[in-house]
């Protein structure tokens, strides 16, 4: 199972993108869980996910999240503003999966 958490200020604006991404997941032959979380709650759940994607409106917390996630080897990235604005679930999903796969190769972690 691969878990992707999207983070924004209140967790609301990413909910639509999560729904679109979940439609894209149906094209994959693997278990992928995607959910949105408000910034204030996200750090509590960081150990439970494989990647954290920040909405472009909270790009300013990327350093803070990277520092917090470092001990858990969780990649953190900011979603491209154009992909986010277009609600391009396919591109954002591919980005998240690529980060997970690269991280698993680097850390030797399979699941």
C-alpha atoms as a PDB file:
ATOM      1  CA  UNK A   1       0.000   0.000   0.000  1.00  0.00           C
ATOM      2  CA  UNK A   2       1.259   3.459  -0.893  1.00  0.00           C
ATOM      3  CA  UNK A   3      -0.083   6.416   1.082  1.00  0.00           C
ATOM      4  CA  UNK A   4      -0.071   9.975  -0.228  1.00  0.00           C
ATOM      5  CA  UNK A   5      -1.066  12.900   1.972  1.00  0.00           C
ATOM      6  CA  UNK A   6      -1.920  16.261   0.437  1.00  0.00           C
ATOM      7  CA  UNK A   7      -1.616  19.246   2.748  1.00  0.00           C
ATOM      8  CA  UNK A   8      -3.088  22.723   2.528  1.00  0.00           C
ATOM      9  CA  UNK A   9      -4.041  25.362   5.064  1.00  0.00           C
ATOM     10  CA  UNK A  10      -7.428  23.942   5.949  1.00  0.00           C
ATOM     11  CA  UNK A  11      -7.537  20.642   4.060  1.00  0.00           C
ATOM     12  CA  UNK A  12     -10.486  21.832   1.997  1.00  0.00           C
ATOM     13  CA  UNK A  13      -8.931  22.961  -1.274  1.00  0.00           C
ATOM     14  CA  UNK A  14      -7.065  19.688  -1.677  1.00  0.00           C
ATOM     15  CA  UNK A  15     -10.196  17.569  -1.225  1.00  0.00           C
ATOM     16  CA  UNK A  16     -11.291  18.050  -4.828  1.00  0.00           C
ATOM     17  CA  UNK A  17      -7.812  17.144  -6.062  1.00  0.00           C
ATOM     18  CA  UNK A  18      -7.847  14.020  -3.873  1.00  0.00           C
ATOM     19  CA  UNK A  19     -11.132  12.941  -5.484  1.00  0.00           C
ATOM     20  CA  UNK A  20      -9.693  13.421  -8.965  1.00  0.00           C
ATOM     21  CA  UNK A  21      -6.516  11.550  -8.015  1.00  0.00           C
ATOM     22  CA  UNK A  22      -8.579   8.681  -6.617  1.00  0.00           C
ATOM     23  CA  UNK A  23     -10.239   8.344 -10.020  1.00  0.00           C
ATOM     24  CA  UNK A  24      -6.763   8.081 -11.585  1.00  0.00           C
ATOM     25  CA  UNK A  25      -5.762   5.396  -9.056  1.00  0.00           C
ATOM     26  CA  UNK A  26      -8.293   3.058 -10.680  1.00  0.00           C
ATOM     27  CA  UNK A  27      -5.940   2.853 -13.680  1.00  0.00           C
ATOM     28  CA  UNK A  28      -3.167   1.371 -11.518  1.00  0.00           C
ATOM     29  CA  UNK A  29      -2.774  -2.212 -10.447  1.00  0.00           C
ATOM     30  CA  UNK A  30      -1.690  -1.385  -6.910  1.00  0.00           C
ATOM     31  CA  UNK A  31      -3.163  -0.182  -3.655  1.00  0.00           C
ATOM     32  CA  UNK A  32      -2.829   3.572  -3.262  1.00  0.00           C
ATOM     33  CA  UNK A  33      -4.481   5.629  -0.534  1.00  0.00           C
ATOM     34  CA  UNK A  34      -4.724   9.387  -0.978  1.00  0.00           C
ATOM     35  CA  UNK A  35      -6.124  11.822   1.533  1.00  0.00           C
ATOM     36  CA  UNK A  36      -6.051  15.516   2.404  1.00  0.00           C
ATOM     37  CA  UNK A  37      -5.102  17.030   5.718  1.00  0.00           C
ATOM     38  CA  UNK A  38      -4.957  20.547   7.070  1.00  0.00           C
ATOM     39  CA  UNK A  39      -1.475  21.781   7.883  1.00  0.00           C
ATOM     40  CA  UNK A  40      -2.162  21.727  11.627  1.00  0.00           C
ATOM     41  CA  UNK A  41      -3.002  17.997  11.613  1.00  0.00           C
ATOM     42  CA  UNK A  42      -0.522  16.763   9.011  1.00  0.00           C
ATOM     43  CA  UNK A  43       2.511  16.474  11.256  1.00  0.00           C
ATOM     44  CA  UNK A  44       0.621  14.098  13.538  1.00  0.00           C
ATOM     45  CA  UNK A  45       0.119  11.685  10.637  1.00  0.00           C
ATOM     46  CA  UNK A  46       3.477  11.947   8.903  1.00  0.00           C
ATOM     47  CA  UNK A  47       4.730   8.549  10.119  1.00  0.00           C
ATOM     48  CA  UNK A  48       1.724   6.876   8.495  1.00  0.00           C
ATOM     49  CA  UNK A  49       2.362   8.057   4.925  1.00  0.00           C
ATOM     50  CA  UNK A  50       4.894   7.480   2.153  1.00  0.00           C
ATOM     51  CA  UNK A  51       4.925  11.018   0.766  1.00  0.00           C
ATOM     52  CA  UNK A  52       3.575  14.461   1.642  1.00  0.00           C
ATOM     53  CA  UNK A  53       2.552  16.810  -1.159  1.00  0.00           C
ATOM     54  CA  UNK A  54       2.000  20.414  -0.130  1.00  0.00           C
ATOM     55  CA  UNK A  55      -0.493  22.629  -1.903  1.00  0.00           C
ATOM     56  CA  UNK A  56       1.207  25.601  -3.563  1.00  0.00           C
ATOM     57  CA  UNK A  57      -0.573  27.979  -1.164  1.00  0.00           C
ATOM     58  CA  UNK A  58       1.475  26.537   1.727  1.00  0.00           C
ATOM     59  CA  UNK A  59       4.832  26.363  -0.071  1.00  0.00           C
ATOM     60  CA  UNK A  60       6.333  28.406   2.746  1.00  0.00           C
ATOM     61  CA  UNK A  61       6.160  25.416   5.143  1.00  0.00           C
ATOM     62  CA  UNK A  62       8.205  23.079   2.925  1.00  0.00           C
ATOM     63  CA  UNK A  63      11.433  23.544   4.931  1.00  0.00           C
ATOM     64  CA  UNK A  64       9.612  22.996   8.213  1.00  0.00           C
ATOM     65  CA  UNK A  65       7.964  19.813   6.920  1.00  0.00           C
ATOM     66  CA  UNK A  66      11.208  18.481   5.422  1.00  0.00           C
ATOM     67  CA  UNK A  67      12.954  18.957   8.749  1.00  0.00           C
ATOM     68  CA  UNK A  68      10.119  17.287  10.631  1.00  0.00           C
ATOM     69  CA  UNK A  69       9.945  14.366   8.158  1.00  0.00           C
ATOM     70  CA  UNK A  70      13.698  13.724   7.935  1.00  0.00           C
ATOM     71  CA  UNK A  71      13.860  11.163  10.801  1.00  0.00           C
ATOM     72  CA  UNK A  72      11.055   9.180   9.152  1.00  0.00           C
ATOM     73  CA  UNK A  73      12.564   9.288   5.617  1.00  0.00           C
ATOM     74  CA  UNK A  74       9.345  10.750   4.205  1.00  0.00           C
ATOM     75  CA  UNK A  75       9.740  12.841   1.037  1.00  0.00           C
ATOM     76  CA  UNK A  76       8.068  16.256   1.012  1.00  0.00           C
ATOM     77  CA  UNK A  77       7.349  18.260  -2.142  1.00  0.00           C
ATOM     78  CA  UNK A  78       5.241  21.198  -3.272  1.00  0.00           C
ATOM     79  CA  UNK A  79       2.646  20.519  -5.958  1.00  0.00           C
ATOM     80  CA  UNK A  80       3.227  22.534  -9.118  1.00  0.00           C
ATOM     81  CA  UNK A  81       0.899  25.560  -9.048  1.00  0.00           C
ATOM     82  CA  UNK A  82      -0.273  24.999 -12.623  1.00  0.00           C
ATOM     83  CA  UNK A  83      -1.049  21.307 -12.013  1.00  0.00           C
ATOM     84  CA  UNK A  84      -2.843  22.276  -8.810  1.00  0.00           C
ATOM     85  CA  UNK A  85      -4.815  25.056 -10.492  1.00  0.00           C
ATOM     86  CA  UNK A  86      -5.862  22.729 -13.300  1.00  0.00           C
ATOM     87  CA  UNK A  87      -6.672  20.001 -10.763  1.00  0.00           C
ATOM     88  CA  UNK A  88      -4.496  17.656 -12.840  1.00  0.00           C
ATOM     89  CA  UNK A  89      -4.881  14.568 -10.700  1.00  0.00           C
ATOM     90  CA  UNK A  90      -2.932  12.411 -13.126  1.00  0.00           C
ATOM     91  CA  UNK A  91       0.221  14.574 -12.945  1.00  0.00           C
ATOM     92  CA  UNK A  92       0.041  15.027  -9.180  1.00  0.00           C
ATOM     93  CA  UNK A  93      -0.471  11.289  -8.664  1.00  0.00           C
ATOM     94  CA  UNK A  94       2.490  10.474 -10.905  1.00  0.00           C
ATOM     95  CA  UNK A  95       4.598  12.972  -8.980  1.00  0.00           C
ATOM     96  CA  UNK A  96       3.684  11.368  -5.664  1.00  0.00           C
ATOM     97  CA  UNK A  97       4.320   7.833  -6.906  1.00  0.00           C
ATOM     98  CA  UNK A  98       7.661   8.820  -8.398  1.00  0.00           C
ATOM     99  CA  UNK A  99       8.763  10.318  -5.074  1.00  0.00           C
ATOM    100  CA  UNK A 100       7.662   7.180  -3.225  1.00  0.00           C
ATOM    101  CA  UNK A 101       9.456   4.862  -5.643  1.00  0.00           C
ATOM    102  CA  UNK A 102      12.671   6.916  -5.576  1.00  0.00           C
ATOM    103  CA  UNK A 103      12.575   7.062  -1.779  1.00  0.00           C
ATOM    104  CA  UNK A 104      12.052   3.310  -1.489  1.00  0.00           C
ATOM    105  CA  UNK A 105      15.040   2.651  -3.759  1.00  0.00           C
ATOM    106  CA  UNK A 106      17.228   5.003  -1.725  1.00  0.00           C
ATOM    107  CA  UNK A 107      16.170   3.613   1.643  1.00  0.00           C
ATOM    108  CA  UNK A 108      15.819  -0.032   0.606  1.00  0.00           C
ATOM    109  CA  UNK A 109      12.263   0.045   1.926  1.00  0.00           C
ATOM    110  CA  UNK A 110       9.853  -2.109  -0.107  1.00  0.00           C
ATOM    111  CA  UNK A 111       6.491  -1.474   1.534  1.00  0.00           C
END
